[in-house]
Amino acid sequence: MNTERMLEEIREANLTYLMLAQNLIRQDRAQALYRLGLSEEVADVIGALSAGQILKIAASNLLMCAMRFNDDLVWNLLTGHSRQEEGNSGAAGMHAAILMAGRVAQPA
């Protein structure tokens, strides 16, 4: 993939993410905070953006969203590679959701 195509994909991801985030925030703020891992302050900013501001921010070559977790435990639970949860993908997914919920809006 060439650099220009990669930057275009980042801009598209930014636009999609910001539009999704704003819609979720406006429809169900509590659910948006949980699902997106946003702080109240960030939700306030995103919820108040105009369409023009969203387009301007999305045009950045920096990805606006980030992975919410960075440890093996959650990744193993999500991918089904956890020894503790073998044979029970439902429990593994629930365990991962509980761990992620405890990390909502915590700095990386």
PDB file of N, CA and C in Angstrom:
ATOM      1  N   MET A   1       0.855  -1.167   0.000  1.00  0.00           N
ATOM      2  CA  MET A   1       0.000   0.000   0.000  1.00  0.00           C
ATOM      3  C   MET A   1       0.901   1.230   0.000  1.00  0.00           C
ATOM      4  N   ASN A   2       0.629   2.150  -0.900  1.00  0.00           N
ATOM      5  CA  ASN A   2       1.466   3.344  -0.932  1.00  0.00           C
ATOM      6  C   ASN A   2       1.034   4.338   0.144  1.00  0.00           C
ATOM      7  N   THR A   3       1.887   5.293   0.421  1.00  0.00           N
ATOM      8  CA  THR A   3       1.667   6.240   1.513  1.00  0.00           C
ATOM      9  C   THR A   3       0.403   7.055   1.311  1.00  0.00           C
ATOM     10  N   GLU A   4       0.170   7.540   0.118  1.00  0.00           N
ATOM     11  CA  GLU A   4      -1.014   8.365  -0.129  1.00  0.00           C
ATOM     12  C   GLU A   4      -2.296   7.579   0.098  1.00  0.00           C
ATOM     13  N   ARG A   5      -2.325   6.328  -0.328  1.00  0.00           N
ATOM     14  CA  ARG A   5      -3.512   5.492  -0.120  1.00  0.00           C
ATOM     15  C   ARG A   5      -3.725   5.240   1.379  1.00  0.00           C
ATOM     16  N   MET A   6      -2.641   5.005   2.119  1.00  0.00           N
ATOM     17  CA  MET A   6      -2.739   4.790   3.552  1.00  0.00           C
ATOM     18  C   MET A   6      -3.286   6.039   4.251  1.00  0.00           C
ATOM     19  N   LEU A   7      -2.799   7.211   3.876  1.00  0.00           N
ATOM     20  CA  LEU A   7      -3.281   8.455   4.475  1.00  0.00           C
ATOM     21  C   LEU A   7      -4.756   8.689   4.152  1.00  0.00           C
ATOM     22  N   GLU A   8      -5.159   8.342   2.939  1.00  0.00           N
ATOM     23  CA  GLU A   8      -6.572   8.475   2.563  1.00  0.00           C
ATOM     24  C   GLU A   8      -7.438   7.538   3.405  1.00  0.00           C
ATOM     25  N   GLU A   9      -6.968   6.343   3.658  1.00  0.00           N
ATOM     26  CA  GLU A   9      -7.721   5.407   4.492  1.00  0.00           C
ATOM     27  C   GLU A   9      -7.809   5.895   5.935  1.00  0.00           C
ATOM     28  N   ILE A  10      -6.750   6.525   6.433  1.00  0.00           N
ATOM     29  CA  ILE A  10      -6.783   7.110   7.778  1.00  0.00           C
ATOM     30  C   ILE A  10      -7.822   8.211   7.827  1.00  0.00           C
ATOM     31  N   ARG A  11      -7.864   9.078   6.821  1.00  0.00           N
ATOM     32  CA  ARG A  11      -8.857  10.159   6.788  1.00  0.00           C
ATOM     33  C   ARG A  11     -10.275   9.604   6.729  1.00  0.00           C
ATOM     34  N   GLU A  12     -10.486   8.554   5.940  1.00  0.00           N
ATOM     35  CA  GLU A  12     -11.803   7.921   5.868  1.00  0.00           C
ATOM     36  C   GLU A  12     -12.191   7.306   7.215  1.00  0.00           C
ATOM     37  N   ALA A  13     -11.246   6.645   7.866  1.00  0.00           N
ATOM     38  CA  ALA A  13     -11.514   6.053   9.178  1.00  0.00           C
ATOM     39  C   ALA A  13     -11.845   7.144  10.192  1.00  0.00           C
ATOM     40  N   ASN A  14     -11.118   8.261  10.141  1.00  0.00           N
ATOM     41  CA  ASN A  14     -11.388   9.382  11.043  1.00  0.00           C
ATOM     42  C   ASN A  14     -12.806   9.907  10.855  1.00  0.00           C
ATOM     43  N   LEU A  15     -13.194  10.112   9.608  1.00  0.00           N
ATOM     44  CA  LEU A  15     -14.527  10.639   9.328  1.00  0.00           C
ATOM     45  C   LEU A  15     -15.601   9.672   9.815  1.00  0.00           C
ATOM     46  N   THR A  16     -15.435   8.407   9.506  1.00  0.00           N
ATOM     47  CA  THR A  16     -16.406   7.400   9.930  1.00  0.00           C
ATOM     48  C   THR A  16     -16.487   7.342  11.451  1.00  0.00           C
ATOM     49  N   TYR A  17     -15.342   7.326  12.107  1.00  0.00           N
ATOM     50  CA  TYR A  17     -15.312   7.244  13.567  1.00  0.00           C
ATOM     51  C   TYR A  17     -15.965   8.472  14.204  1.00  0.00           C
ATOM     52  N   LEU A  18     -15.624   9.644  13.736  1.00  0.00           N
ATOM     53  CA  LEU A  18     -16.186  10.860  14.326  1.00  0.00           C
ATOM     54  C   LEU A  18     -17.690  10.947  14.122  1.00  0.00           C
ATOM     55  N   MET A  19     -18.149  10.560  12.940  1.00  0.00           N
ATOM     56  CA  MET A  19     -19.596  10.571  12.687  1.00  0.00           C
ATOM     57  C   MET A  19     -20.311   9.557  13.583  1.00  0.00           C
ATOM     58  N   LEU A  20     -19.756   8.357  13.695  1.00  0.00           N
ATOM     59  CA  LEU A  20     -20.327   7.337  14.565  1.00  0.00           C
ATOM     60  C   LEU A  20     -20.334   7.817  16.011  1.00  0.00           C
ATOM     61  N   ALA A  21     -19.217   8.340  16.478  1.00  0.00           N
ATOM     62  CA  ALA A  21     -19.105   8.806  17.854  1.00  0.00           C
ATOM     63  C   ALA A  21     -20.136   9.896  18.133  1.00  0.00           C
ATOM     64  N   GLN A  22     -20.256  10.854  17.234  1.00  0.00           N
ATOM     65  CA  GLN A  22     -21.208  11.936  17.460  1.00  0.00           C
ATOM     66  C   GLN A  22     -22.650  11.423  17.494  1.00  0.00           C
ATOM     67  N   ASN A  23     -22.981  10.526  16.573  1.00  0.00           N
ATOM     68  CA  ASN A  23     -24.332   9.958  16.569  1.00  0.00           C
ATOM     69  C   ASN A  23     -24.613   9.192  17.861  1.00  0.00           C
ATOM     70  N   LEU A  24     -23.669   8.359  18.289  1.00  0.00           N
ATOM     71  CA  LEU A  24     -23.858   7.613  19.535  1.00  0.00           C
ATOM     72  C   LEU A  24     -24.002   8.547  20.737  1.00  0.00           C
ATOM     73  N   ILE A  25     -23.176   9.563  20.791  1.00  0.00           N
ATOM     74  CA  ILE A  25     -23.221  10.518  21.899  1.00  0.00           C
ATOM     75  C   ILE A  25     -24.570  11.221  21.944  1.00  0.00           C
ATOM     76  N   ARG A  26     -25.063  11.623  20.797  1.00  0.00           N
ATOM     77  CA  ARG A  26     -26.335  12.345  20.755  1.00  0.00           C
ATOM     78  C   ARG A  26     -27.535  11.438  21.024  1.00  0.00           C
ATOM     79  N   GLN A  27     -27.432  10.165  20.667  1.00  0.00           N
ATOM     80  CA  GLN A  27     -28.552   9.247  20.871  1.00  0.00           C
ATOM     81  C   GLN A  27     -28.580   8.645  22.271  1.00  0.00           C
ATOM     82  N   ASP A  28     -27.436   8.224  22.762  1.00  0.00           N
ATOM     83  CA  ASP A  28     -27.370   7.569  24.073  1.00  0.00           C
ATOM     84  C   ASP A  28     -25.975   7.793  24.641  1.00  0.00           C
ATOM     85  N   ARG A  29     -25.836   8.877  25.365  1.00  0.00           N
ATOM     86  CA  ARG A  29     -24.529   9.315  25.856  1.00  0.00           C
ATOM     87  C   ARG A  29     -23.850   8.243  26.721  1.00  0.00           C
ATOM     88  N   ALA A  30     -24.580   7.669  27.651  1.00  0.00           N
ATOM     89  CA  ALA A  30     -23.980   6.662  28.542  1.00  0.00           C
ATOM     90  C   ALA A  30     -23.457   5.473  27.742  1.00  0.00           C
ATOM     91  N   GLN A  31     -24.229   5.028  26.773  1.00  0.00           N
ATOM     92  CA  GLN A  31     -23.823   3.899  25.936  1.00  0.00           C
ATOM     93  C   GLN A  31     -22.584   4.278  25.099  1.00  0.00           C
ATOM     94  N   ALA A  32     -22.556   5.507  24.612  1.00  0.00           N
ATOM     95  CA  ALA A  32     -21.409   5.979  23.820  1.00  0.00           C
ATOM     96  C   ALA A  32     -20.136   6.003  24.661  1.00  0.00           C
ATOM     97  N   LEU A  33     -20.251   6.499  25.892  1.00  0.00           N
ATOM     98  CA  LEU A  33     -19.077   6.544  26.767  1.00  0.00           C
ATOM     99  C   LEU A  33     -18.538   5.145  26.998  1.00  0.00           C
ATOM    100  N   TYR A  34     -19.438   4.191  27.223  1.00  0.00           N
ATOM    101  CA  TYR A  34     -19.032   2.814  27.460  1.00  0.00           C
ATOM    102  C   TYR A  34     -18.443   2.179  26.200  1.00  0.00           C
ATOM    103  N   ARG A  35     -19.179   2.253  25.097  1.00  0.00           N
ATOM    104  CA  ARG A  35     -18.753   1.560  23.881  1.00  0.00           C
ATOM    105  C   ARG A  35     -17.500   2.155  23.257  1.00  0.00           C
ATOM    106  N   LEU A  36     -17.351   3.474  23.341  1.00  0.00           N
ATOM    107  CA  LEU A  36     -16.206   4.132  22.707  1.00  0.00           C
ATOM    108  C   LEU A  36     -15.055   4.372  23.675  1.00  0.00           C
ATOM    109  N   GLY A  37     -15.302   4.215  24.971  1.00  0.00           N
ATOM    110  CA  GLY A  37     -14.244   4.441  25.953  1.00  0.00           C
ATOM    111  C   GLY A  37     -13.855   5.903  26.068  1.00  0.00           C
ATOM    112  N   LEU A  38     -14.847   6.791  25.916  1.00  0.00           N
ATOM    113  CA  LEU A  38     -14.580   8.221  25.954  1.00  0.00           C
ATOM    114  C   LEU A  38     -14.791   8.791  27.350  1.00  0.00           C
ATOM    115  N   SER A  39     -14.096   9.865  27.637  1.00  0.00           N
ATOM    116  CA  SER A  39     -14.343  10.600  28.870  1.00  0.00           C
ATOM    117  C   SER A  39     -15.520  11.548  28.632  1.00  0.00           C
ATOM    118  N   GLU A  40     -16.091  12.049  29.691  1.00  0.00           N
ATOM    119  CA  GLU A  40     -17.193  13.016  29.590  1.00  0.00           C
ATOM    120  C   GLU A  40     -16.754  14.246  28.788  1.00  0.00           C
ATOM    121  N   GLU A  41     -15.532  14.707  29.039  1.00  0.00           N
ATOM    122  CA  GLU A  41     -15.027  15.916  28.386  1.00  0.00           C
ATOM    123  C   GLU A  41     -14.900  15.724  26.876  1.00  0.00           C
ATOM    124  N   VAL A  42     -14.345  14.593  26.476  1.00  0.00           N
ATOM    125  CA  VAL A  42     -14.190  14.317  25.046  1.00  0.00           C
ATOM    126  C   VAL A  42     -15.559  14.160  24.397  1.00  0.00           C
ATOM    127  N   ALA A  43     -16.477  13.510  25.089  1.00  0.00           N
ATOM    128  CA  ALA A  43     -17.834  13.353  24.558  1.00  0.00           C
ATOM    129  C   ALA A  43     -18.497  14.716  24.361  1.00  0.00           C
ATOM    130  N   ASP A  44     -18.275  15.644  25.287  1.00  0.00           N
ATOM    131  CA  ASP A  44     -18.823  16.997  25.147  1.00  0.00           C
ATOM    132  C   ASP A  44     -18.307  17.664  23.877  1.00  0.00           C
ATOM    133  N   VAL A  45     -17.006  17.538  23.647  1.00  0.00           N
ATOM    134  CA  VAL A  45     -16.395  18.166  22.468  1.00  0.00           C
ATOM    135  C   VAL A  45     -16.933  17.543  21.183  1.00  0.00           C
ATOM    136  N   ILE A  46     -16.913  16.226  21.102  1.00  0.00           N
ATOM    137  CA  ILE A  46     -17.370  15.544  19.887  1.00  0.00           C
ATOM    138  C   ILE A  46     -18.851  15.797  19.651  1.00  0.00           C
ATOM    139  N   GLY A  47     -19.644  15.771  20.704  1.00  0.00           N
ATOM    140  CA  GLY A  47     -21.077  15.995  20.564  1.00  0.00           C
ATOM    141  C   GLY A  47     -21.418  17.378  20.046  1.00  0.00           C
ATOM    142  N   ALA A  48     -20.558  18.358  20.304  1.00  0.00           N
ATOM    143  CA  ALA A  48     -20.822  19.741  19.902  1.00  0.00           C
ATOM    144  C   ALA A  48     -20.207  20.129  18.556  1.00  0.00           C
ATOM    145  N   LEU A  49     -19.476  19.229  17.913  1.00  0.00           N
ATOM    146  CA  LEU A  49     -18.817  19.572  16.646  1.00  0.00           C
ATOM    147  C   LEU A  49     -19.832  19.805  15.535  1.00  0.00           C
ATOM    148  N   SER A  50     -19.535  20.786  14.695  1.00  0.00           N
ATOM    149  CA  SER A  50     -20.340  21.004  13.492  1.00  0.00           C
ATOM    150  C   SER A  50     -19.851  20.052  12.402  1.00  0.00           C
ATOM    151  N   ALA A  51     -20.629  19.929  11.343  1.00  0.00           N
ATOM    152  CA  ALA A  51     -20.226  19.063  10.228  1.00  0.00           C
ATOM    153  C   ALA A  51     -18.896  19.541   9.640  1.00  0.00           C
ATOM    154  N   GLY A  52     -18.721  20.826   9.517  1.00  0.00           N
ATOM    155  CA  GLY A  52     -17.470  21.373   8.991  1.00  0.00           C
ATOM    156  C   GLY A  52     -16.280  21.059   9.880  1.00  0.00           C
ATOM    157  N   GLN A  53     -16.485  21.141  11.184  1.00  0.00           N
ATOM    158  CA  GLN A  53     -15.414  20.820  12.121  1.00  0.00           C
ATOM    159  C   GLN A  53     -15.047  19.346  12.040  1.00  0.00           C
ATOM    160  N   ILE A  54     -16.045  18.489  11.912  1.00  0.00           N
ATOM    161  CA  ILE A  54     -15.772  17.056  11.775  1.00  0.00           C
ATOM    162  C   ILE A  54     -14.952  16.803  10.522  1.00  0.00           C
ATOM    163  N   LEU A  55     -15.325  17.421   9.410  1.00  0.00           N
ATOM    164  CA  LEU A  55     -14.570  17.240   8.168  1.00  0.00           C
ATOM    165  C   LEU A  55     -13.137  17.730   8.310  1.00  0.00           C
ATOM    166  N   LYS A  56     -12.959  18.856   8.970  1.00  0.00           N
ATOM    167  CA  LYS A  56     -11.612  19.414   9.156  1.00  0.00           C
ATOM    168  C   LYS A  56     -10.756  18.498  10.029  1.00  0.00           C
ATOM    169  N   ILE A  57     -11.321  18.014  11.133  1.00  0.00           N
ATOM    170  CA  ILE A  57     -10.580  17.123  12.031  1.00  0.00           C
ATOM    171  C   ILE A  57     -10.275  15.805  11.332  1.00  0.00           C
ATOM    172  N   ALA A  58     -11.249  15.279  10.597  1.00  0.00           N
ATOM    173  CA  ALA A  58     -11.078  13.992   9.916  1.00  0.00           C
ATOM    174  C   ALA A  58      -9.982  14.049   8.860  1.00  0.00           C
ATOM    175  N   ALA A  59      -9.705  15.224   8.332  1.00  0.00           N
ATOM    176  CA  ALA A  59      -8.700  15.378   7.281  1.00  0.00           C
ATOM    177  C   ALA A  59      -7.273  15.212   7.794  1.00  0.00           C
ATOM    178  N   SER A  60      -7.112  15.080   9.093  1.00  0.00           N
ATOM    179  CA  SER A  60      -5.790  14.901   9.672  1.00  0.00           C
ATOM    180  C   SER A  60      -5.184  13.574   9.221  1.00  0.00           C
ATOM    181  N   ASN A  61      -3.869  13.512   9.211  1.00  0.00           N
ATOM    182  CA  ASN A  61      -3.221  12.243   8.872  1.00  0.00           C
ATOM    183  C   ASN A  61      -2.898  11.423  10.118  1.00  0.00           C
ATOM    184  N   LEU A  62      -3.462  11.847  11.266  1.00  0.00           N
ATOM    185  CA  LEU A  62      -3.322  11.108  12.516  1.00  0.00           C
ATOM    186  C   LEU A  62      -4.638  10.408  12.811  1.00  0.00           C
ATOM    187  N   LEU A  63      -4.574   9.144  13.140  1.00  0.00           N
ATOM    188  CA  LEU A  63      -5.775   8.380  13.427  1.00  0.00           C
ATOM    189  C   LEU A  63      -6.404   8.867  14.731  1.00  0.00           C
ATOM    190  N   MET A  64      -7.692   9.200  14.692  1.00  0.00           N
ATOM    191  CA  MET A  64      -8.397   9.759  15.849  1.00  0.00           C
ATOM    192  C   MET A  64      -8.780   8.706  16.882  1.00  0.00           C
ATOM    193  N   CYS A  65      -8.978   7.473  16.476  1.00  0.00           N
ATOM    194  CA  CYS A  65      -9.357   6.424  17.426  1.00  0.00           C
ATOM    195  C   CYS A  65      -8.130   5.572  17.740  1.00  0.00           C
ATOM    196  N   ALA A  66      -8.199   4.886  18.862  1.00  0.00           N
ATOM    197  CA  ALA A  66      -7.069   4.059  19.287  1.00  0.00           C
ATOM    198  C   ALA A  66      -7.582   2.768  19.919  1.00  0.00           C
ATOM    199  N   MET A  67      -6.731   1.780  20.007  1.00  0.00           N
ATOM    200  CA  MET A  67      -7.082   0.538  20.685  1.00  0.00           C
ATOM    201  C   MET A  67      -7.307   0.849  22.155  1.00  0.00           C
ATOM    202  N   ARG A  68      -8.353   0.281  22.724  1.00  0.00           N
ATOM    203  CA  ARG A  68      -8.712   0.569  24.108  1.00  0.00           C
ATOM    204  C   ARG A  68      -7.957  -0.277  25.107  1.00  0.00           C
ATOM    205  N   PHE A  69      -7.314  -1.306  24.693  1.00  0.00           N
ATOM    206  CA  PHE A  69      -6.615  -2.183  25.616  1.00  0.00           C
ATOM    207  C   PHE A  69      -5.309  -2.624  24.963  1.00  0.00           C
ATOM    208  N   ASN A  70      -4.338  -2.867  25.810  1.00  0.00           N
ATOM    209  CA  ASN A  70      -3.024  -3.210  25.276  1.00  0.00           C
ATOM    210  C   ASN A  70      -2.377  -4.350  26.051  1.00  0.00           C
ATOM    211  N   ASP A  71      -3.203  -5.267  26.541  1.00  0.00           N
ATOM    212  CA  ASP A  71      -2.609  -6.400  27.251  1.00  0.00           C
ATOM    213  C   ASP A  71      -3.068  -7.723  26.640  1.00  0.00           C
ATOM    214  N   ASP A  72      -2.261  -8.727  26.862  1.00  0.00           N
ATOM    215  CA  ASP A  72      -2.524 -10.052  26.293  1.00  0.00           C
ATOM    216  C   ASP A  72      -3.805 -10.677  26.809  1.00  0.00           C
ATOM    217  N   LEU A  73      -4.157 -10.420  28.069  1.00  0.00           N
ATOM    218  CA  LEU A  73      -5.328 -11.057  28.648  1.00  0.00           C
ATOM    219  C   LEU A  73      -6.589 -10.743  27.835  1.00  0.00           C
ATOM    220  N   VAL A  74      -6.835  -9.481  27.574  1.00  0.00           N
ATOM    221  CA  VAL A  74      -8.038  -9.106  26.830  1.00  0.00           C
ATOM    222  C   VAL A  74      -7.973  -9.633  25.404  1.00  0.00           C
ATOM    223  N   TRP A  75      -6.846  -9.500  24.750  1.00  0.00           N
ATOM    224  CA  TRP A  75      -6.724 -10.003  23.373  1.00  0.00           C
ATOM    225  C   TRP A  75      -6.938 -11.515  23.324  1.00  0.00           C
ATOM    226  N   ASN A  76      -6.383 -12.231  24.284  1.00  0.00           N
ATOM    227  CA  ASN A  76      -6.576 -13.685  24.319  1.00  0.00           C
ATOM    228  C   ASN A  76      -8.038 -14.048  24.552  1.00  0.00           C
ATOM    229  N   LEU A  77      -8.717 -13.299  25.409  1.00  0.00           N
ATOM    230  CA  LEU A  77     -10.136 -13.551  25.635  1.00  0.00           C
ATOM    231  C   LEU A  77     -10.944 -13.293  24.368  1.00  0.00           C
ATOM    232  N   LEU A  78     -10.634 -12.220  23.681  1.00  0.00           N
ATOM    233  CA  LEU A  78     -11.377 -11.868  22.466  1.00  0.00           C
ATOM    234  C   LEU A  78     -11.121 -12.843  21.318  1.00  0.00           C
ATOM    235  N   THR A  79      -9.905 -13.353  21.243  1.00  0.00           N
ATOM    236  CA  THR A  79      -9.569 -14.257  20.142  1.00  0.00           C
ATOM    237  C   THR A  79      -9.813 -15.714  20.483  1.00  0.00           C
ATOM    238  N   GLY A  80     -10.203 -15.983  21.717  1.00  0.00           N
ATOM    239  CA  GLY A  80     -10.479 -17.355  22.122  1.00  0.00           C
ATOM    240  C   GLY A  80      -9.245 -18.156  22.465  1.00  0.00           C
ATOM    241  N   HIS A  81      -8.136 -17.478  22.775  1.00  0.00           N
ATOM    242  CA  HIS A  81      -6.898 -18.175  23.096  1.00  0.00           C
ATOM    243  C   HIS A  81      -6.629 -18.254  24.587  1.00  0.00           C
ATOM    244  N   SER A  82      -7.625 -17.954  25.381  1.00  0.00           N
ATOM    245  CA  SER A  82      -7.448 -17.997  26.833  1.00  0.00           C
ATOM    246  C   SER A  82      -7.562 -19.424  27.343  1.00  0.00           C
ATOM    247  N   ARG A  83      -6.632 -19.847  28.132  1.00  0.00           N
ATOM    248  CA  ARG A  83      -6.686 -21.189  28.714  1.00  0.00           C
ATOM    249  C   ARG A  83      -7.824 -21.293  29.713  1.00  0.00           C
ATOM    250  N   GLN A  84      -8.087 -20.201  30.422  1.00  0.00           N
ATOM    251  CA  GLN A  84      -9.132 -20.205  31.442  1.00  0.00           C
ATOM    252  C   GLN A  84     -10.518 -20.368  30.832  1.00  0.00           C
ATOM    253  N   GLU A  85     -10.725 -19.891  29.633  1.00  0.00           N
ATOM    254  CA  GLU A  85     -12.054 -19.845  29.047  1.00  0.00           C
ATOM    255  C   GLU A  85     -12.211 -20.818  27.875  1.00  0.00           C
ATOM    256  N   GLU A  86     -11.310 -21.786  27.716  1.00  0.00           N
ATOM    257  CA  GLU A  86     -11.381 -22.716  26.590  1.00  0.00           C
ATOM    258  C   GLU A  86     -12.732 -23.409  26.541  1.00  0.00           C
ATOM    259  N   GLY A  87     -13.299 -23.503  25.348  1.00  0.00           N
ATOM    260  CA  GLY A  87     -14.558 -24.190  25.154  1.00  0.00           C
ATOM    261  C   GLY A  87     -15.779 -23.377  25.530  1.00  0.00           C
ATOM    262  N   ASN A  88     -15.597 -22.152  25.963  1.00  0.00           N
ATOM    263  CA  ASN A  88     -16.730 -21.330  26.361  1.00  0.00           C
ATOM    264  C   ASN A  88     -16.527 -19.907  25.854  1.00  0.00           C
ATOM    265  N   SER A  89     -16.731 -19.714  24.534  1.00  0.00           N
ATOM    266  CA  SER A  89     -16.464 -18.411  23.929  1.00  0.00           C
ATOM    267  C   SER A  89     -17.399 -17.335  24.460  1.00  0.00           C
ATOM    268  N   GLY A  90     -18.613 -17.709  24.851  1.00  0.00           N
ATOM    269  CA  GLY A  90     -19.536 -16.733  25.433  1.00  0.00           C
ATOM    270  C   GLY A  90     -18.998 -16.166  26.726  1.00  0.00           C
ATOM    271  N   ALA A  91     -18.485 -17.035  27.568  1.00  0.00           N
ATOM    272  CA  ALA A  91     -17.910 -16.589  28.840  1.00  0.00           C
ATOM    273  C   ALA A  91     -16.655 -15.761  28.606  1.00  0.00           C
ATOM    274  N   ALA A  92     -15.858 -16.140  27.619  1.00  0.00           N
ATOM    275  CA  ALA A  92     -14.644 -15.383  27.309  1.00  0.00           C
ATOM    276  C   ALA A  92     -14.999 -13.977  26.851  1.00  0.00           C
ATOM    277  N   GLY A  93     -16.011 -13.866  25.984  1.00  0.00           N
ATOM    278  CA  GLY A  93     -16.437 -12.545  25.516  1.00  0.00           C
ATOM    279  C   GLY A  93     -16.972 -11.693  26.646  1.00  0.00           C
ATOM    280  N   MET A  94     -17.732 -12.316  27.549  1.00  0.00           N
ATOM    281  CA  MET A  94     -18.273 -11.598  28.694  1.00  0.00           C
ATOM    282  C   MET A  94     -17.145 -11.159  29.623  1.00  0.00           C
ATOM    283  N   HIS A  95     -16.187 -12.021  29.842  1.00  0.00           N
ATOM    284  CA  HIS A  95     -15.044 -11.692  30.687  1.00  0.00           C
ATOM    285  C   HIS A  95     -14.270 -10.512  30.084  1.00  0.00           C
ATOM    286  N   ALA A  96     -14.055 -10.533  28.768  1.00  0.00           N
ATOM    287  CA  ALA A  96     -13.361  -9.429  28.094  1.00  0.00           C
ATOM    288  C   ALA A  96     -14.156  -8.132  28.233  1.00  0.00           C
ATOM    289  N   ALA A  97     -15.482  -8.200  28.068  1.00  0.00           N
ATOM    290  CA  ALA A  97     -16.325  -7.007  28.185  1.00  0.00           C
ATOM    291  C   ALA A  97     -16.247  -6.419  29.589  1.00  0.00           C
ATOM    292  N   ILE A  98     -16.229  -7.281  30.596  1.00  0.00           N
ATOM    293  CA  ILE A  98     -16.133  -6.804  31.978  1.00  0.00           C
ATOM    294  C   ILE A  98     -14.792  -6.108  32.205  1.00  0.00           C
ATOM    295  N   LEU A  99     -13.722  -6.710  31.711  1.00  0.00           N
ATOM    296  CA  LEU A  99     -12.397  -6.090  31.861  1.00  0.00           C
ATOM    297  C   LEU A  99     -12.330  -4.743  31.153  1.00  0.00           C
ATOM    298  N   MET A 100     -12.883  -4.680  29.929  1.00  0.00           N
ATOM    299  CA  MET A 100     -12.852  -3.432  29.169  1.00  0.00           C
ATOM    300  C   MET A 100     -13.731  -2.370  29.814  1.00  0.00           C
ATOM    301  N   ALA A 101     -14.867  -2.751  30.372  1.00  0.00           N
ATOM    302  CA  ALA A 101     -15.756  -1.802  31.018  1.00  0.00           C
ATOM    303  C   ALA A 101     -15.062  -1.118  32.184  1.00  0.00           C
ATOM    304  N   GLY A 102     -14.214  -1.842  32.858  1.00  0.00           N
ATOM    305  CA  GLY A 102     -13.472  -1.267  33.970  1.00  0.00           C
ATOM    306  C   GLY A 102     -12.390  -0.291  33.533  1.00  0.00           C
ATOM    307  N   ARG A 103     -12.134  -0.259  32.259  1.00  0.00           N
ATOM    308  CA  ARG A 103     -11.083   0.620  31.730  1.00  0.00           C
ATOM    309  C   ARG A 103     -11.637   1.776  30.923  1.00  0.00           C
ATOM    310  N   VAL A 104     -12.915   2.013  30.973  1.00  0.00           N
ATOM    311  CA  VAL A 104     -13.536   3.087  30.198  1.00  0.00           C
ATOM    312  C   VAL A 104     -12.904   4.412  30.564  1.00  0.00           C
ATOM    313  N   ALA A 105     -12.481   5.128  29.530  1.00  0.00           N
ATOM    314  CA  ALA A 105     -11.957   6.491  29.652  1.00  0.00           C
ATOM    315  C   ALA A 105     -10.764   6.623  30.580  1.00  0.00           C
ATOM    316  N   GLN A 106      -9.986   5.571  30.705  1.00  0.00           N
ATOM    317  CA  GLN A 106      -8.750   5.657  31.459  1.00  0.00           C
ATOM    318  C   GLN A 106      -7.631   6.010  30.497  1.00  0.00           C
ATOM    319  N   PRO A 107      -6.709   6.868  30.897  1.00  0.00           N
ATOM    320  CA  PRO A 107      -5.595   7.199  30.022  1.00  0.00           C
ATOM    321  C   PRO A 107      -4.771   5.968  29.683  1.00  0.00           C
ATOM    322  N   ALA A 108      -4.247   5.942  28.480  1.00  0.00           N
ATOM    323  CA  ALA A 108      -3.450   4.790  28.021  1.00  0.00           C
ATOM    324  C   ALA A 108      -2.117   4.736  28.705  1.00  0.00           C
TER     325      ALA A 108
END
